[in-house]
Amino acid sequence: MDWLQIVVLSIVQGLTEFLPVSSSAHLILVPVFSDWGDQGLAFDVALHLGSLTAVVLYFRHELVAMTRSWGISVAGKGTDDDARLAWWVILATVPVALAGLSLHDTIETAMRSPLILAGGLIVFGILLGYADWRHRGARSEYSMNWVDVLWIGLAQALALIPGTSRSGITMTAALLLGLNREASARFSFLLSIPVIVLAAGLEIFNLVNASVSVNVTNMLLGALVSGLSAYLCIHYFLAFIRRLGMQPFVVYRLILGVALLWLFG
């Protein structure tokens, strides 16, 4: 891998991991417009670790408060809003973890078609637009109950379908439940932490078993660029949707979905 490939792939991963536009759709398009081969499992690990570092750093104050309150809750000394939010992140992660373990091989082999990517972009893009237009409310992430969280968790499992977008489908579910735009995005970003940890853990396990060589310099550069782009993405996305909403991303998804249909249909 040369430095240009590293930087482009890292920026694409860092941005699309958190934008509601599907990282899988963008990563499949990169080889279409270049002669780059597969970047390898080790580099995938680096990109995930970069994105994970970014979201943890951005929400570090919230995560410290949630962890402290969760520990107090586990000890049976009371539950406050931060403890409940921590429990909600755990609960919402269970469906996607179970689905990922049981369907991982099927998804990797039978569902990587560009047509499935295009369908996911278009269908779930329209659903995101509808949720943002008709159903968003004024609720915060702290107002959710376990039923709300379970619905968001089940929706997150749909992100295993290529083209859906994990962040997009969780924001859609949260908007349909009456959360405001910022709360939907914040909870989606918090949900990304255990999901990225699970994905990176699986990749590291496979990497160790594969006994492949690792280019440490490429991994460090990839993690740095991915992390920086992801951090900036989170920051500016929250400000962007406050003013303009989700509709620009819906339009982008529709254009990208149609482009995939045109290229591969």
Protein backbone atom coordinates (compact mmCIF):
# COMPACT_ATOMS: atom_id res chain seq x y z
CA MET A 1 0.00 0.00 0.00
CA ASP A 2 1.27 3.48 -0.83
CA TRP A 3 0.55 6.56 1.25
CA LEU A 4 -2.26 7.77 -1.02
CA GLN A 5 -4.17 4.51 -0.68
CA ILE A 6 -3.69 4.57 3.08
CA VAL A 7 -4.94 8.15 3.42
CA VAL A 8 -7.95 7.73 1.09
CA LEU A 9 -9.14 4.49 2.70
CA SER A 10 -8.62 5.90 6.18
CA ILE A 11 -10.61 9.06 5.46
CA VAL A 12 -13.40 7.09 3.81
CA GLN A 13 -13.62 4.75 6.82
CA GLY A 14 -13.37 7.56 9.37
CA LEU A 15 -16.13 9.62 7.78
CA THR A 16 -18.57 6.92 6.73
CA GLU A 17 -18.34 4.99 10.02
CA PHE A 18 -20.46 7.68 11.66
CA LEU A 19 -22.32 9.40 8.82
CA PRO A 20 -25.65 7.74 7.92
CA VAL A 21 -24.43 6.82 4.43
CA SER A 22 -23.04 3.24 4.72
CA SER A 23 -19.30 2.63 4.99
CA SER A 24 -19.60 -0.70 3.14
CA ALA A 25 -21.01 1.02 0.04
CA HIS A 26 -18.14 3.48 -0.07
CA LEU A 27 -15.43 0.94 0.55
CA ILE A 28 -16.71 -1.22 -2.32
CA LEU A 29 -16.61 1.80 -4.64
CA VAL A 30 -12.95 2.62 -3.94
CA PRO A 31 -11.58 -0.36 -5.93
CA VAL A 32 -14.03 0.45 -8.75
CA PHE A 33 -12.36 3.79 -9.36
CA SER A 34 -8.79 2.65 -8.65
CA ASP A 35 -6.49 -0.30 -9.26
CA TRP A 36 -5.94 -0.88 -5.54
CA GLY A 37 -6.21 -4.40 -4.22
CA ASP A 38 -7.61 -5.50 -0.88
CA GLN A 39 -5.99 -3.59 1.97
CA GLY A 40 -5.73 -6.64 4.21
CA LEU A 41 -7.06 -7.63 7.61
CA ALA A 42 -4.35 -5.85 9.60
CA PHE A 43 -5.21 -2.50 8.02
CA ASP A 44 -8.92 -3.08 8.73
CA VAL A 45 -8.02 -3.52 12.40
CA ALA A 46 -6.09 -0.24 12.36
CA LEU A 47 -9.00 1.65 10.80
CA HIS A 48 -11.43 0.33 13.40
CA LEU A 49 -9.07 1.19 16.24
CA GLY A 50 -8.73 4.71 14.87
CA SER A 51 -12.50 5.19 14.72
CA LEU A 52 -12.90 3.70 18.20
CA THR A 53 -10.31 6.06 19.65
CA ALA A 54 -12.08 9.04 18.08
CA VAL A 55 -15.52 8.30 19.49
CA VAL A 56 -14.14 7.45 22.93
CA LEU A 57 -12.18 10.71 23.04
CA TYR A 58 -15.13 12.76 21.84
CA PHE A 59 -17.51 11.34 24.43
CA ARG A 60 -14.89 10.88 27.16
CA HIS A 61 -16.73 12.97 29.75
CA GLU A 62 -20.03 11.18 29.15
CA LEU A 63 -18.31 7.78 29.20
CA VAL A 64 -16.58 8.52 32.52
CA ALA A 65 -19.89 9.56 34.08
CA MET A 66 -21.71 6.55 32.61
CA THR A 67 -19.04 4.10 33.78
CA ARG A 68 -18.96 5.55 37.30
CA SER A 69 -22.73 5.51 37.64
CA TRP A 70 -23.00 2.04 36.09
CA GLY A 71 -20.55 0.69 38.66
CA ILE A 72 -22.64 2.22 41.46
CA SER A 73 -25.76 0.68 39.91
CA VAL A 74 -24.17 -2.77 39.71
CA ALA A 75 -23.23 -2.47 43.37
CA GLY A 76 -26.91 -1.87 44.16
CA LYS A 77 -26.42 1.68 45.41
CA GLY A 78 -28.88 3.42 43.12
CA THR A 79 -29.43 4.17 39.45
CA ASP A 80 -29.29 7.61 37.86
CA ASP A 81 -29.62 8.83 34.27
CA ASP A 82 -26.00 8.06 33.40
CA ALA A 83 -26.28 4.52 34.76
CA ARG A 84 -29.47 3.92 32.79
CA LEU A 85 -27.81 5.21 29.62
CA ALA A 86 -24.93 2.78 30.16
CA TRP A 87 -27.40 -0.09 30.62
CA TRP A 88 -29.23 1.02 27.45
CA VAL A 89 -26.01 0.87 25.43
CA ILE A 90 -25.40 -2.67 26.68
CA LEU A 91 -28.98 -3.78 26.00
CA ALA A 92 -29.06 -2.29 22.49
CA THR A 93 -25.81 -4.09 21.61
CA VAL A 94 -27.14 -7.58 22.37
CA PRO A 95 -29.26 -8.05 19.18
CA VAL A 96 -26.48 -7.04 16.78
CA ALA A 97 -23.92 -9.15 18.65
CA LEU A 98 -26.12 -12.24 18.45
CA ALA A 99 -27.03 -11.60 14.82
CA GLY A 100 -23.42 -10.94 13.88
CA LEU A 101 -22.18 -14.16 15.46
CA SER A 102 -24.87 -16.29 13.82
CA LEU A 103 -24.97 -14.64 10.38
CA HIS A 104 -21.41 -13.40 9.88
CA ASP A 105 -20.37 -15.99 7.29
CA THR A 106 -23.62 -15.62 5.32
CA ILE A 107 -23.29 -11.86 5.20
CA GLU A 108 -19.63 -11.97 4.13
CA THR A 109 -20.31 -14.39 1.26
CA ALA A 110 -23.91 -14.13 0.06
CA MET A 111 -24.79 -10.48 0.75
CA ARG A 112 -21.87 -8.49 -0.65
CA SER A 113 -23.60 -7.88 -3.97
CA PRO A 114 -23.50 -4.26 -5.20
CA LEU A 115 -27.23 -4.60 -5.94
CA ILE A 116 -27.91 -5.40 -2.29
CA LEU A 117 -25.78 -2.39 -1.34
CA ALA A 118 -27.81 -0.20 -3.68
CA GLY A 119 -31.10 -1.52 -2.31
CA GLY A 120 -29.98 -0.89 1.26
CA LEU A 121 -28.90 2.64 0.46
CA ILE A 122 -32.16 3.53 -1.25
CA VAL A 123 -34.72 1.76 0.98
CA PHE A 124 -33.21 2.70 4.33
CA GLY A 125 -32.35 6.15 3.02
CA ILE A 126 -36.01 6.82 2.26
CA LEU A 127 -36.93 5.51 5.73
CA LEU A 128 -34.41 7.87 7.32
CA GLY A 129 -35.87 10.79 5.39
CA TYR A 130 -39.40 9.88 6.46
CA ALA A 131 -38.39 9.53 10.11
CA ASP A 132 -36.61 12.89 10.12
CA TRP A 133 -39.45 14.64 8.29
CA ARG A 134 -42.50 13.26 10.10
CA HIS A 135 -41.55 11.67 13.40
CA ARG A 136 -38.67 13.43 15.09
CA GLY A 137 -39.61 14.89 18.47
CA ALA A 138 -38.03 16.62 21.43
CA ARG A 139 -37.00 13.64 23.56
CA SER A 140 -33.41 13.23 24.74
CA GLU A 141 -31.48 9.98 25.01
CA TYR A 142 -32.03 10.06 28.77
CA SER A 143 -35.81 9.79 28.32
CA MET A 144 -35.74 6.34 26.76
CA ASN A 145 -37.15 3.23 28.39
CA TRP A 146 -36.13 -0.38 27.84
CA VAL A 147 -38.75 -0.88 25.10
CA ASP A 148 -37.35 2.07 23.12
CA VAL A 149 -33.85 0.71 23.51
CA LEU A 150 -34.84 -2.78 22.44
CA TRP A 151 -36.37 -1.41 19.23
CA ILE A 152 -33.20 0.56 18.48
CA GLY A 153 -31.12 -2.54 19.21
CA LEU A 154 -33.20 -4.67 16.86
CA ALA A 155 -32.91 -1.96 14.21
CA GLN A 156 -29.14 -1.93 14.68
CA ALA A 157 -29.05 -5.64 13.81
CA LEU A 158 -30.41 -4.69 10.37
CA ALA A 159 -27.12 -2.87 9.76
CA LEU A 160 -25.60 -6.27 9.00
CA ILE A 161 -27.36 -5.93 5.64
CA PRO A 162 -24.81 -4.14 3.42
CA GLY A 163 -25.86 -0.63 2.46
CA THR A 164 -28.07 -0.11 5.50
CA SER A 165 -25.59 1.96 7.58
CA ARG A 166 -25.36 1.21 11.29
CA SER A 167 -25.50 4.86 12.26
CA GLY A 168 -28.29 5.52 9.75
CA ILE A 169 -30.62 2.77 10.94
CA THR A 170 -30.11 3.52 14.65
CA MET A 171 -30.78 7.22 14.07
CA THR A 172 -33.86 6.30 12.04
CA ALA A 173 -35.24 4.12 14.84
CA ALA A 174 -34.51 6.79 17.44
CA LEU A 175 -36.23 9.49 15.34
CA LEU A 176 -39.27 7.25 14.85
CA LEU A 177 -39.46 6.92 18.64
CA GLY A 178 -39.58 10.71 19.02
CA LEU A 179 -35.99 11.55 19.92
CA ASN A 180 -34.58 14.78 18.59
CA ARG A 181 -31.85 14.79 15.95
CA GLU A 182 -28.92 15.41 18.28
CA ALA A 183 -30.07 12.81 20.80
CA SER A 184 -30.55 10.25 18.03
CA ALA A 185 -27.02 10.89 16.76
CA ARG A 186 -25.41 10.91 20.20
CA PHE A 187 -27.00 7.58 21.18
CA SER A 188 -26.02 6.11 17.82
CA PHE A 189 -22.40 7.19 18.36
CA LEU A 190 -22.36 5.72 21.87
CA LEU A 191 -23.73 2.46 20.44
CA SER A 192 -20.85 2.38 17.98
CA ILE A 193 -18.33 1.83 20.78
CA PRO A 194 -19.22 -1.77 21.73
CA VAL A 195 -19.96 -2.61 18.09
CA ILE A 196 -16.52 -1.42 16.95
CA VAL A 197 -14.91 -3.22 19.88
CA LEU A 198 -16.63 -6.48 18.87
CA ALA A 199 -15.73 -6.04 15.18
CA ALA A 200 -12.10 -5.18 15.94
CA GLY A 201 -11.87 -8.07 18.41
CA LEU A 202 -13.08 -10.52 15.76
CA GLU A 203 -10.63 -9.11 13.22
CA ILE A 204 -7.74 -9.33 15.69
CA PHE A 205 -8.67 -12.94 16.46
CA ASN A 206 -8.69 -13.77 12.74
CA LEU A 207 -5.45 -11.86 12.23
CA VAL A 208 -3.66 -13.81 14.96
CA ASN A 209 -4.92 -17.13 13.57
CA ALA A 210 -3.92 -16.17 10.03
CA SER A 211 -0.33 -15.43 11.08
CA VAL A 212 0.07 -12.76 8.40
CA SER A 213 2.82 -10.14 8.32
CA VAL A 214 1.94 -6.70 9.64
CA ASN A 215 3.25 -3.34 8.40
CA VAL A 216 3.27 -1.33 11.61
CA THR A 217 3.90 2.00 9.85
CA ASN A 218 0.87 1.56 7.58
CA MET A 219 -1.29 0.57 10.54
CA LEU A 220 -0.25 3.57 12.62
CA LEU A 221 -0.83 6.00 9.75
CA GLY A 222 -4.18 4.43 8.95
CA ALA A 223 -5.31 4.57 12.58
CA LEU A 224 -4.18 8.20 12.91
CA VAL A 225 -5.93 9.44 9.75
CA SER A 226 -9.06 7.37 10.42
CA GLY A 227 -9.25 8.62 13.99
CA LEU A 228 -8.76 12.27 13.07
CA SER A 229 -11.34 12.18 10.27
CA ALA A 230 -13.81 10.33 12.50
CA TYR A 231 -13.41 12.84 15.34
CA LEU A 232 -13.99 15.80 13.02
CA CYS A 233 -16.92 13.98 11.44
CA ILE A 234 -18.68 13.48 14.79
CA HIS A 235 -18.12 17.09 15.81
CA TYR A 236 -19.35 18.72 12.61
CA PHE A 237 -22.15 16.22 11.99
CA LEU A 238 -23.83 17.11 15.29
CA ALA A 239 -23.68 20.80 14.39
CA PHE A 240 -24.82 20.15 10.82
CA ILE A 241 -27.97 18.17 11.64
CA ARG A 242 -29.02 20.73 14.23
CA ARG A 243 -29.37 23.27 11.41
CA LEU A 244 -30.11 21.22 8.28
CA GLY A 245 -31.36 17.83 9.44
CA MET A 246 -30.91 14.47 7.75
CA GLN A 247 -32.34 15.24 4.32
CA PRO A 248 -29.00 16.07 2.61
CA PHE A 249 -27.75 12.61 3.58
CA VAL A 250 -30.95 11.05 2.27
CA VAL A 251 -30.45 12.71 -1.10
CA TYR A 252 -26.82 11.57 -1.16
CA ARG A 253 -27.84 7.97 -0.37
CA LEU A 254 -30.38 7.96 -3.18
CA ILE A 255 -27.84 9.30 -5.68
CA LEU A 256 -25.23 6.77 -4.57
CA GLY A 257 -27.75 3.91 -4.69
CA VAL A 258 -28.81 4.81 -8.22
CA ALA A 259 -25.15 5.11 -9.24
CA LEU A 260 -24.48 1.59 -7.95
CA LEU A 261 -27.48 0.28 -9.87
CA TRP A 262 -26.17 1.98 -13.00
CA LEU A 263 -22.63 0.66 -12.53
CA PHE A 264 -23.49 -2.91 -11.59
CA GLY A 265 -27.08 -3.45 -12.69
